[in-house]
């Protein structure tokens, strides 16, 4: 566990180093917003280093909430998130002298169709990955004797975890 945290910290240092060295390697048209974004990333990474369990618990709670919705709704949402991320990246990278609205409507309609076609399958893949990570994290927590409030309060989820762990739903889980 400590080894994983050290590797994670080293990755964060490398990420921040690349972000800070970025303007030296390529020209940044608007350095102030760029450095504000780098500062926000730094604050997020610093918070994650200070309390690594917080990000895991937030992920587990988010997955727990998503499980209440339909599988297809979750896949559509994840695909829409991918679509928004790609549109933001394209708008920022292509807006040097080109108005973003013009880029969206006229020049890149074929690219938007390709991104839209790719977004939905990626949403399904992302939901499957989140489900797998959720199951693994919950099983580790149960094995280590850790508990989460939202899992304790939901009898259906407790029963499902118990069945996954032992195959028998007569034993108490948490």
N, C-alpha and C. Protein backbone atom coordinates (compact mmCIF):
# COMPACT_ATOMS: atom_id res chain seq x y z
N UNK A 1 0.83 -1.19 0.00
CA UNK A 1 0.00 0.00 0.00
C UNK A 1 0.87 1.25 0.00
N UNK A 2 1.94 1.24 0.81
CA UNK A 2 2.81 2.41 0.87
C UNK A 2 3.57 2.55 -0.45
N UNK A 3 3.95 1.42 -1.04
CA UNK A 3 4.64 1.47 -2.32
C UNK A 3 3.75 2.11 -3.39
N UNK A 4 2.46 1.75 -3.41
CA UNK A 4 1.53 2.32 -4.36
C UNK A 4 1.39 3.83 -4.17
N UNK A 5 1.38 4.27 -2.93
CA UNK A 5 1.27 5.71 -2.66
C UNK A 5 2.51 6.46 -3.14
N UNK A 6 3.67 5.85 -2.98
CA UNK A 6 4.90 6.50 -3.45
C UNK A 6 4.90 6.60 -4.98
N UNK A 7 4.47 5.54 -5.63
CA UNK A 7 4.38 5.56 -7.10
C UNK A 7 3.39 6.62 -7.54
N UNK A 8 2.28 6.72 -6.85
CA UNK A 8 1.27 7.73 -7.18
C UNK A 8 1.83 9.14 -7.00
N UNK A 9 2.56 9.36 -5.93
CA UNK A 9 3.17 10.68 -5.71
C UNK A 9 4.18 11.01 -6.80
N UNK A 10 4.96 10.03 -7.20
CA UNK A 10 5.94 10.26 -8.27
C UNK A 10 5.23 10.58 -9.59
N UNK A 11 4.13 9.90 -9.86
CA UNK A 11 3.37 10.20 -11.08
C UNK A 11 2.82 11.62 -11.03
N UNK A 12 2.34 12.04 -9.86
CA UNK A 12 1.82 13.40 -9.72
C UNK A 12 2.92 14.43 -9.96
N UNK A 13 4.11 14.16 -9.46
CA UNK A 13 5.23 15.09 -9.67
C UNK A 13 5.57 15.17 -11.15
N UNK A 14 5.57 14.04 -11.83
CA UNK A 14 5.86 14.03 -13.27
C UNK A 14 4.78 14.80 -14.03
N UNK A 15 3.52 14.58 -13.69
CA UNK A 15 2.42 15.28 -14.35
C UNK A 15 2.55 16.79 -14.16
N UNK A 16 2.82 17.23 -12.94
CA UNK A 16 2.98 18.66 -12.69
C UNK A 16 4.20 19.21 -13.41
N UNK A 17 5.28 18.44 -13.45
CA UNK A 17 6.47 18.88 -14.17
C UNK A 17 6.20 19.08 -15.65
N UNK A 18 5.47 18.15 -16.25
CA UNK A 18 5.13 18.27 -17.67
C UNK A 18 4.21 19.47 -17.89
N UNK A 19 3.24 19.66 -17.01
CA UNK A 19 2.33 20.80 -17.16
C UNK A 19 3.06 22.13 -17.00
N UNK A 20 4.00 22.19 -16.06
CA UNK A 20 4.75 23.44 -15.88
C UNK A 20 5.75 23.67 -16.99
N UNK A 21 6.29 22.60 -17.57
CA UNK A 21 7.27 22.74 -18.65
C UNK A 21 6.59 22.89 -20.01
N UNK A 22 5.30 22.68 -20.08
CA UNK A 22 4.57 22.77 -21.34
C UNK A 22 4.78 24.07 -22.09
N UNK A 23 4.65 25.23 -21.43
CA UNK A 23 4.86 26.49 -22.15
C UNK A 23 6.29 26.68 -22.67
N UNK A 24 7.25 25.99 -22.08
CA UNK A 24 8.61 26.06 -22.59
C UNK A 24 8.77 25.25 -23.87
N UNK A 25 7.97 24.22 -24.03
CA UNK A 25 8.08 23.35 -25.19
C UNK A 25 7.20 23.80 -26.35
N UNK A 26 6.02 24.33 -26.05
CA UNK A 26 5.12 24.81 -27.09
C UNK A 26 4.63 26.20 -26.70
N UNK A 27 4.18 26.94 -27.70
CA UNK A 27 3.69 28.29 -27.44
C UNK A 27 2.26 28.23 -26.91
N UNK A 28 2.04 28.92 -25.80
CA UNK A 28 0.70 29.00 -25.20
C UNK A 28 0.17 30.40 -25.47
N UNK A 29 -0.98 30.48 -26.14
CA UNK A 29 -1.55 31.78 -26.49
C UNK A 29 -2.02 32.56 -25.28
N UNK A 30 -2.59 31.88 -24.32
CA UNK A 30 -3.11 32.53 -23.12
C UNK A 30 -2.50 31.88 -21.89
N UNK A 31 -1.36 32.39 -21.42
CA UNK A 31 -0.67 31.72 -20.31
C UNK A 31 -1.38 31.86 -18.96
N UNK A 32 -2.10 32.94 -18.73
CA UNK A 32 -2.76 33.11 -17.42
C UNK A 32 -3.82 32.03 -17.19
N UNK A 33 -4.76 31.79 -18.12
CA UNK A 33 -5.71 30.70 -17.88
C UNK A 33 -5.01 29.33 -17.80
N UNK A 34 -3.96 29.17 -18.58
CA UNK A 34 -3.22 27.90 -18.54
C UNK A 34 -2.66 27.66 -17.14
N UNK A 35 -2.01 28.67 -16.57
CA UNK A 35 -1.43 28.50 -15.24
C UNK A 35 -2.50 28.41 -14.15
N UNK A 36 -3.67 29.02 -14.36
CA UNK A 36 -4.77 28.83 -13.41
C UNK A 36 -5.26 27.38 -13.43
N UNK A 37 -5.32 26.80 -14.62
CA UNK A 37 -5.71 25.39 -14.72
C UNK A 37 -4.65 24.51 -14.07
N UNK A 38 -3.37 24.82 -14.30
CA UNK A 38 -2.29 24.05 -13.67
C UNK A 38 -2.38 24.17 -12.15
N UNK A 39 -2.70 25.37 -11.65
CA UNK A 39 -2.87 25.55 -10.20
C UNK A 39 -4.03 24.70 -9.67
N UNK A 40 -5.14 24.67 -10.41
CA UNK A 40 -6.28 23.84 -9.98
C UNK A 40 -5.90 22.36 -9.97
N UNK A 41 -5.15 21.92 -10.97
CA UNK A 41 -4.69 20.52 -11.00
C UNK A 41 -3.77 20.25 -9.82
N UNK A 42 -2.87 21.20 -9.53
CA UNK A 42 -1.96 21.04 -8.40
C UNK A 42 -2.73 20.91 -7.09
N UNK A 43 -3.74 21.76 -6.89
CA UNK A 43 -4.52 21.70 -5.65
C UNK A 43 -5.27 20.37 -5.54
N UNK A 44 -5.81 19.89 -6.65
CA UNK A 44 -6.51 18.60 -6.64
C UNK A 44 -5.54 17.47 -6.30
N UNK A 45 -4.36 17.47 -6.92
CA UNK A 45 -3.38 16.42 -6.66
C UNK A 45 -2.84 16.50 -5.24
N UNK A 46 -2.65 17.71 -4.73
CA UNK A 46 -2.17 17.87 -3.36
C UNK A 46 -3.19 17.33 -2.36
N UNK A 47 -4.46 17.61 -2.62
CA UNK A 47 -5.52 17.10 -1.74
C UNK A 47 -5.57 15.57 -1.79
N UNK A 48 -5.35 15.01 -2.95
CA UNK A 48 -5.35 13.56 -3.08
C UNK A 48 -4.16 12.93 -2.37
N UNK A 49 -3.03 13.62 -2.36
CA UNK A 49 -1.86 13.11 -1.63
C UNK A 49 -2.11 13.18 -0.13
N UNK A 50 -2.74 14.25 0.34
CA UNK A 50 -3.00 14.40 1.77
C UNK A 50 -4.00 13.38 2.30
N UNK A 51 -5.03 13.07 1.53
CA UNK A 51 -6.06 12.13 1.98
C UNK A 51 -6.43 11.19 0.84
N UNK A 52 -5.64 10.13 0.62
CA UNK A 52 -5.90 9.25 -0.53
C UNK A 52 -7.20 8.46 -0.42
N UNK A 53 -7.66 8.21 0.79
CA UNK A 53 -8.91 7.46 0.94
C UNK A 53 -10.13 8.28 0.54
N UNK A 54 -10.00 9.59 0.59
CA UNK A 54 -11.13 10.44 0.25
C UNK A 54 -11.53 10.27 -1.22
N UNK A 55 -10.54 10.23 -2.12
CA UNK A 55 -10.86 10.07 -3.53
C UNK A 55 -11.45 8.68 -3.79
N UNK A 56 -10.95 7.66 -3.11
CA UNK A 56 -11.51 6.31 -3.26
C UNK A 56 -12.95 6.28 -2.78
N UNK A 57 -13.22 6.89 -1.63
CA UNK A 57 -14.58 6.89 -1.09
C UNK A 57 -15.54 7.68 -1.98
N UNK A 58 -15.06 8.78 -2.56
CA UNK A 58 -15.90 9.54 -3.49
C UNK A 58 -16.22 8.71 -4.73
N UNK A 59 -15.21 7.99 -5.24
CA UNK A 59 -15.44 7.12 -6.40
C UNK A 59 -16.47 6.04 -6.06
N UNK A 60 -16.32 5.42 -4.89
CA UNK A 60 -17.25 4.36 -4.50
C UNK A 60 -18.67 4.91 -4.35
N UNK A 61 -18.81 6.09 -3.75
CA UNK A 61 -20.13 6.67 -3.57
C UNK A 61 -20.75 7.03 -4.93
N UNK A 62 -19.93 7.57 -5.83
CA UNK A 62 -20.41 7.92 -7.16
C UNK A 62 -20.89 6.66 -7.90
N UNK A 63 -20.12 5.60 -7.83
CA UNK A 63 -20.52 4.34 -8.48
C UNK A 63 -21.77 3.77 -7.83
N UNK A 64 -21.85 3.87 -6.52
CA UNK A 64 -23.03 3.38 -5.80
C UNK A 64 -24.27 4.14 -6.26
N UNK A 65 -24.17 5.45 -6.42
CA UNK A 65 -25.30 6.24 -6.89
C UNK A 65 -25.65 5.90 -8.34
N UNK A 66 -24.62 5.68 -9.17
CA UNK A 66 -24.87 5.37 -10.57
C UNK A 66 -25.55 4.01 -10.74
N UNK A 67 -25.30 3.09 -9.84
CA UNK A 67 -25.91 1.76 -9.95
C UNK A 67 -27.42 1.82 -9.80
N UNK A 68 -27.94 2.88 -9.23
CA UNK A 68 -29.39 3.02 -9.08
C UNK A 68 -30.06 3.39 -10.40
N UNK A 69 -29.28 3.96 -11.31
CA UNK A 69 -29.82 4.32 -12.62
C UNK A 69 -29.65 3.15 -13.59
N UNK A 70 -30.26 3.29 -14.73
CA UNK A 70 -30.17 2.26 -15.76
C UNK A 70 -28.74 2.17 -16.31
N UNK A 71 -28.37 0.98 -16.72
CA UNK A 71 -27.05 0.74 -17.32
C UNK A 71 -26.88 1.60 -18.57
N UNK A 72 -27.91 1.69 -19.39
CA UNK A 72 -27.83 2.45 -20.63
C UNK A 72 -27.76 3.96 -20.37
N UNK A 73 -28.45 4.41 -19.35
CA UNK A 73 -28.37 5.84 -18.99
C UNK A 73 -26.95 6.18 -18.55
N UNK A 74 -26.34 5.32 -17.75
CA UNK A 74 -24.96 5.55 -17.32
C UNK A 74 -24.01 5.56 -18.51
N UNK A 75 -24.21 4.63 -19.45
CA UNK A 75 -23.34 4.58 -20.63
C UNK A 75 -23.52 5.85 -21.46
N UNK A 76 -24.75 6.31 -21.61
CA UNK A 76 -24.99 7.54 -22.36
C UNK A 76 -24.32 8.73 -21.68
N UNK A 77 -24.42 8.79 -20.36
CA UNK A 77 -23.80 9.90 -19.62
C UNK A 77 -22.29 9.88 -19.77
N UNK A 78 -21.68 8.70 -19.66
CA UNK A 78 -20.23 8.61 -19.81
C UNK A 78 -19.81 8.97 -21.23
N UNK A 79 -20.60 8.55 -22.22
CA UNK A 79 -20.32 8.93 -23.60
C UNK A 79 -20.45 10.43 -23.81
N UNK A 80 -21.45 11.04 -23.17
CA UNK A 80 -21.63 12.49 -23.28
C UNK A 80 -20.47 13.23 -22.62
N UNK A 81 -19.97 12.70 -21.51
CA UNK A 81 -18.80 13.31 -20.87
C UNK A 81 -17.60 13.26 -21.82
N UNK A 82 -17.40 12.12 -22.48
CA UNK A 82 -16.32 12.00 -23.45
C UNK A 82 -16.51 13.01 -24.58
N UNK A 83 -17.73 13.13 -25.08
CA UNK A 83 -18.01 14.07 -26.16
C UNK A 83 -17.72 15.51 -25.74
N UNK A 84 -18.10 15.89 -24.53
CA UNK A 84 -17.82 17.24 -24.04
C UNK A 84 -16.32 17.47 -23.87
N UNK A 85 -15.61 16.46 -23.39
CA UNK A 85 -14.16 16.62 -23.23
C UNK A 85 -13.49 16.81 -24.58
N UNK A 86 -13.88 16.02 -25.57
CA UNK A 86 -13.29 16.16 -26.90
C UNK A 86 -13.65 17.51 -27.50
N UNK A 87 -14.89 17.96 -27.34
CA UNK A 87 -15.28 19.25 -27.90
C UNK A 87 -14.52 20.39 -27.24
N UNK A 88 -14.27 20.28 -25.94
CA UNK A 88 -13.50 21.32 -25.26
C UNK A 88 -12.07 21.35 -25.77
N UNK A 89 -11.47 20.18 -25.92
CA UNK A 89 -10.09 20.11 -26.41
C UNK A 89 -10.00 20.65 -27.83
N UNK A 90 -10.93 20.27 -28.69
CA UNK A 90 -10.90 20.76 -30.07
C UNK A 90 -11.16 22.26 -30.12
N UNK A 91 -12.08 22.75 -29.30
CA UNK A 91 -12.38 24.18 -29.31
C UNK A 91 -11.17 24.99 -28.85
N UNK A 92 -10.48 24.51 -27.83
CA UNK A 92 -9.31 25.24 -27.33
C UNK A 92 -8.16 25.15 -28.32
N UNK A 93 -7.92 23.96 -28.87
CA UNK A 93 -6.77 23.80 -29.75
C UNK A 93 -6.97 24.46 -31.11
N UNK A 94 -8.20 24.57 -31.57
CA UNK A 94 -8.45 25.14 -32.89
C UNK A 94 -8.92 26.58 -32.84
N UNK A 95 -9.04 27.16 -31.67
CA UNK A 95 -9.60 28.51 -31.59
C UNK A 95 -8.56 29.60 -31.76
N UNK A 96 -7.34 29.27 -32.11
CA UNK A 96 -6.34 30.30 -32.36
C UNK A 96 -6.63 31.01 -33.68
N UNK A 97 -7.44 32.04 -33.65
CA UNK A 97 -7.77 32.79 -34.84
C UNK A 97 -9.05 32.32 -35.51
N UNK A 98 -9.62 31.20 -35.10
CA UNK A 98 -10.86 30.69 -35.67
C UNK A 98 -11.92 30.78 -34.59
N UNK A 99 -13.05 31.29 -34.95
CA UNK A 99 -14.13 31.38 -33.97
C UNK A 99 -14.71 29.99 -33.72
N UNK A 100 -14.84 29.58 -32.46
CA UNK A 100 -15.28 28.21 -32.16
C UNK A 100 -16.63 27.83 -32.78
N UNK A 101 -17.57 28.77 -32.83
CA UNK A 101 -18.87 28.45 -33.41
C UNK A 101 -18.74 28.05 -34.87
N UNK A 102 -17.89 28.77 -35.61
CA UNK A 102 -17.65 28.45 -37.02
C UNK A 102 -17.03 27.07 -37.15
N UNK A 103 -16.09 26.76 -36.27
CA UNK A 103 -15.45 25.45 -36.30
C UNK A 103 -16.48 24.36 -36.04
N UNK A 104 -17.32 24.55 -35.06
CA UNK A 104 -18.31 23.53 -34.71
C UNK A 104 -19.29 23.28 -35.86
N UNK A 105 -19.80 24.33 -36.45
CA UNK A 105 -20.89 24.20 -37.41
C UNK A 105 -20.40 23.85 -38.81
N UNK A 106 -19.39 24.52 -39.29
CA UNK A 106 -19.05 24.40 -40.70
C UNK A 106 -17.92 23.43 -41.00
N UNK A 107 -16.77 23.63 -40.39
CA UNK A 107 -15.59 22.90 -40.82
C UNK A 107 -15.50 21.47 -40.31
N UNK A 108 -15.97 21.21 -39.10
CA UNK A 108 -15.69 19.91 -38.49
C UNK A 108 -16.91 19.02 -38.31
N UNK A 109 -17.92 19.16 -39.12
CA UNK A 109 -19.12 18.35 -38.91
C UNK A 109 -18.82 16.86 -39.09
N UNK A 110 -17.95 16.49 -40.00
CA UNK A 110 -17.58 15.09 -40.18
C UNK A 110 -16.86 14.54 -38.97
N UNK A 111 -15.98 15.36 -38.40
CA UNK A 111 -15.26 14.95 -37.20
C UNK A 111 -16.22 14.77 -36.03
N UNK A 112 -17.21 15.63 -35.92
CA UNK A 112 -18.18 15.51 -34.83
C UNK A 112 -19.01 14.24 -34.97
N UNK A 113 -19.31 13.84 -36.20
CA UNK A 113 -20.05 12.58 -36.39
C UNK A 113 -19.20 11.40 -35.95
N UNK A 114 -17.91 11.42 -36.29
CA UNK A 114 -17.01 10.34 -35.87
C UNK A 114 -16.90 10.31 -34.35
N UNK A 115 -16.74 11.46 -33.72
CA UNK A 115 -16.64 11.52 -32.26
C UNK A 115 -17.93 11.02 -31.62
N UNK A 116 -19.06 11.38 -32.18
CA UNK A 116 -20.35 10.93 -31.64
C UNK A 116 -20.50 9.41 -31.76
N UNK A 117 -20.06 8.85 -32.89
CA UNK A 117 -20.14 7.40 -33.08
C UNK A 117 -19.21 6.67 -32.11
N UNK A 118 -18.07 7.26 -31.81
CA UNK A 118 -17.11 6.64 -30.89
C UNK A 118 -17.55 6.82 -29.44
N UNK A 119 -18.26 7.89 -29.14
CA UNK A 119 -18.59 8.22 -27.75
C UNK A 119 -19.48 7.18 -27.08
N UNK A 120 -20.47 6.67 -27.77
CA UNK A 120 -21.40 5.74 -27.12
C UNK A 120 -20.73 4.42 -26.74
N UNK A 121 -19.99 3.76 -27.64
CA UNK A 121 -19.30 2.53 -27.19
C UNK A 121 -18.30 2.79 -26.07
N UNK A 122 -17.64 3.94 -26.11
CA UNK A 122 -16.72 4.26 -25.02
C UNK A 122 -17.46 4.46 -23.71
N UNK A 123 -18.68 4.95 -23.77
CA UNK A 123 -19.49 5.07 -22.56
C UNK A 123 -19.78 3.71 -21.95
N UNK A 124 -20.12 2.73 -22.79
CA UNK A 124 -20.36 1.37 -22.28
C UNK A 124 -19.10 0.76 -21.70
N UNK A 125 -17.97 0.98 -22.36
CA UNK A 125 -16.70 0.46 -21.84
C UNK A 125 -16.38 1.10 -20.50
N UNK A 126 -16.60 2.40 -20.40
CA UNK A 126 -16.31 3.11 -19.15
C UNK A 126 -17.19 2.62 -18.00
N UNK A 127 -18.46 2.35 -18.28
CA UNK A 127 -19.36 1.84 -17.24
C UNK A 127 -18.89 0.47 -16.78
N UNK A 128 -18.49 -0.39 -17.71
CA UNK A 128 -17.99 -1.72 -17.33
C UNK A 128 -16.72 -1.61 -16.48
N UNK A 129 -15.83 -0.70 -16.86
CA UNK A 129 -14.59 -0.51 -16.08
C UNK A 129 -14.91 0.00 -14.68
N UNK A 130 -15.83 0.94 -14.57
CA UNK A 130 -16.21 1.46 -13.25
C UNK A 130 -16.85 0.37 -12.39
N UNK A 131 -17.68 -0.46 -13.00
CA UNK A 131 -18.30 -1.56 -12.25
C UNK A 131 -17.23 -2.52 -11.71
N UNK A 132 -16.25 -2.85 -12.55
CA UNK A 132 -15.19 -3.76 -12.12
C UNK A 132 -14.38 -3.15 -10.99
N UNK A 133 -14.00 -1.88 -11.14
CA UNK A 133 -13.24 -1.21 -10.08
C UNK A 133 -14.04 -1.11 -8.79
N UNK A 134 -15.33 -0.83 -8.91
CA UNK A 134 -16.20 -0.74 -7.74
C UNK A 134 -16.25 -2.08 -7.00
N UNK A 135 -16.46 -3.15 -7.75
CA UNK A 135 -16.53 -4.48 -7.12
C UNK A 135 -15.23 -4.83 -6.43
N UNK A 136 -14.09 -4.57 -7.09
CA UNK A 136 -12.80 -4.88 -6.48
C UNK A 136 -12.56 -4.07 -5.22
N UNK A 137 -12.88 -2.78 -5.27
CA UNK A 137 -12.65 -1.92 -4.10
C UNK A 137 -13.54 -2.32 -2.93
N UNK A 138 -14.79 -2.63 -3.20
CA UNK A 138 -15.70 -3.03 -2.13
C UNK A 138 -15.25 -4.36 -1.52
N UNK A 139 -14.83 -5.30 -2.35
CA UNK A 139 -14.36 -6.58 -1.82
C UNK A 139 -13.11 -6.41 -0.95
N UNK A 140 -12.19 -5.53 -1.38
CA UNK A 140 -11.00 -5.26 -0.56
C UNK A 140 -11.40 -4.65 0.78
N UNK A 141 -12.36 -3.72 0.74
CA UNK A 141 -12.79 -3.08 1.98
C UNK A 141 -13.43 -4.09 2.92
N UNK A 142 -14.22 -5.00 2.39
CA UNK A 142 -14.86 -6.02 3.22
C UNK A 142 -13.81 -6.94 3.81
N UNK A 143 -12.82 -7.33 3.00
CA UNK A 143 -11.75 -8.20 3.49
C UNK A 143 -10.92 -7.52 4.58
N UNK A 144 -10.72 -6.20 4.46
CA UNK A 144 -9.93 -5.46 5.44
C UNK A 144 -10.76 -5.02 6.65
N UNK A 145 -12.05 -5.26 6.62
CA UNK A 145 -12.90 -4.87 7.74
C UNK A 145 -13.31 -3.42 7.73
N UNK A 146 -13.10 -2.71 6.63
CA UNK A 146 -13.50 -1.31 6.52
C UNK A 146 -14.99 -1.24 6.17
N UNK A 147 -15.62 -0.15 6.53
CA UNK A 147 -17.03 0.04 6.20
C UNK A 147 -17.24 1.43 5.64
N UNK A 148 -18.30 1.56 4.88
CA UNK A 148 -18.76 2.84 4.37
C UNK A 148 -20.21 3.01 4.78
N UNK A 149 -20.56 4.22 5.18
CA UNK A 149 -21.89 4.48 5.70
C UNK A 149 -22.98 4.15 4.68
N UNK A 150 -22.79 4.56 3.44
CA UNK A 150 -23.84 4.34 2.45
C UNK A 150 -24.02 2.87 2.11
N UNK A 151 -22.97 2.06 2.28
CA UNK A 151 -23.12 0.62 2.07
C UNK A 151 -23.80 -0.05 3.25
N UNK A 152 -23.54 0.46 4.45
CA UNK A 152 -24.17 -0.11 5.64
C UNK A 152 -25.67 0.15 5.66
N UNK A 153 -26.09 1.28 5.11
CA UNK A 153 -27.49 1.67 5.18
C UNK A 153 -28.36 1.01 4.12
N UNK A 154 -27.76 0.37 3.13
CA UNK A 154 -28.52 -0.23 2.03
C UNK A 154 -28.53 -1.75 2.17
N UNK A 155 -29.65 -2.33 2.61
CA UNK A 155 -29.67 -3.79 2.81
C UNK A 155 -29.52 -4.58 1.52
N UNK A 156 -30.01 -4.05 0.41
CA UNK A 156 -29.89 -4.76 -0.86
C UNK A 156 -28.43 -4.84 -1.28
N UNK A 157 -27.71 -3.74 -1.15
CA UNK A 157 -26.29 -3.73 -1.51
C UNK A 157 -25.50 -4.64 -0.57
N UNK A 158 -25.82 -4.62 0.70
CA UNK A 158 -25.13 -5.50 1.65
C UNK A 158 -25.35 -6.96 1.29
N UNK A 159 -26.57 -7.30 0.92
CA UNK A 159 -26.87 -8.68 0.54
C UNK A 159 -26.11 -9.07 -0.73
N UNK A 160 -26.05 -8.17 -1.70
CA UNK A 160 -25.33 -8.45 -2.94
C UNK A 160 -23.85 -8.67 -2.68
N UNK A 161 -23.26 -7.82 -1.83
CA UNK A 161 -21.84 -7.96 -1.50
C UNK A 161 -21.60 -9.28 -0.77
N UNK A 162 -22.49 -9.63 0.11
CA UNK A 162 -22.36 -10.89 0.85
C UNK A 162 -22.42 -12.09 -0.10
N UNK A 163 -23.35 -12.05 -1.04
CA UNK A 163 -23.44 -13.14 -2.01
C UNK A 163 -22.18 -13.23 -2.86
N UNK A 164 -21.63 -12.08 -3.26
CA UNK A 164 -20.40 -12.08 -4.05
C UNK A 164 -19.22 -12.60 -3.24
N UNK A 165 -19.22 -12.31 -1.96
CA UNK A 165 -18.08 -12.69 -1.12
C UNK A 165 -18.13 -14.16 -0.72
N UNK A 166 -19.28 -14.63 -0.26
CA UNK A 166 -19.35 -15.98 0.30
C UNK A 166 -20.26 -16.92 -0.47
N UNK A 167 -21.15 -16.40 -1.25
CA UNK A 167 -22.14 -17.24 -1.91
C UNK A 167 -23.28 -17.61 -0.99
N UNK A 168 -23.28 -17.09 0.23
CA UNK A 168 -24.31 -17.42 1.22
C UNK A 168 -24.83 -16.12 1.82
N UNK A 169 -26.15 -15.91 1.77
CA UNK A 169 -26.69 -14.65 2.26
C UNK A 169 -27.21 -14.75 3.69
N UNK A 170 -26.85 -15.79 4.43
CA UNK A 170 -27.33 -15.92 5.81
C UNK A 170 -26.38 -15.30 6.83
N UNK A 171 -25.15 -14.99 6.43
CA UNK A 171 -24.17 -14.43 7.37
C UNK A 171 -24.26 -12.91 7.36
N UNK A 172 -24.03 -12.26 8.49
CA UNK A 172 -24.00 -10.79 8.50
C UNK A 172 -22.75 -10.30 7.79
N UNK A 173 -22.88 -9.19 7.06
CA UNK A 173 -21.75 -8.68 6.29
C UNK A 173 -20.96 -7.63 7.04
N UNK A 174 -21.60 -6.57 7.44
CA UNK A 174 -20.86 -5.44 8.00
C UNK A 174 -21.15 -5.27 9.47
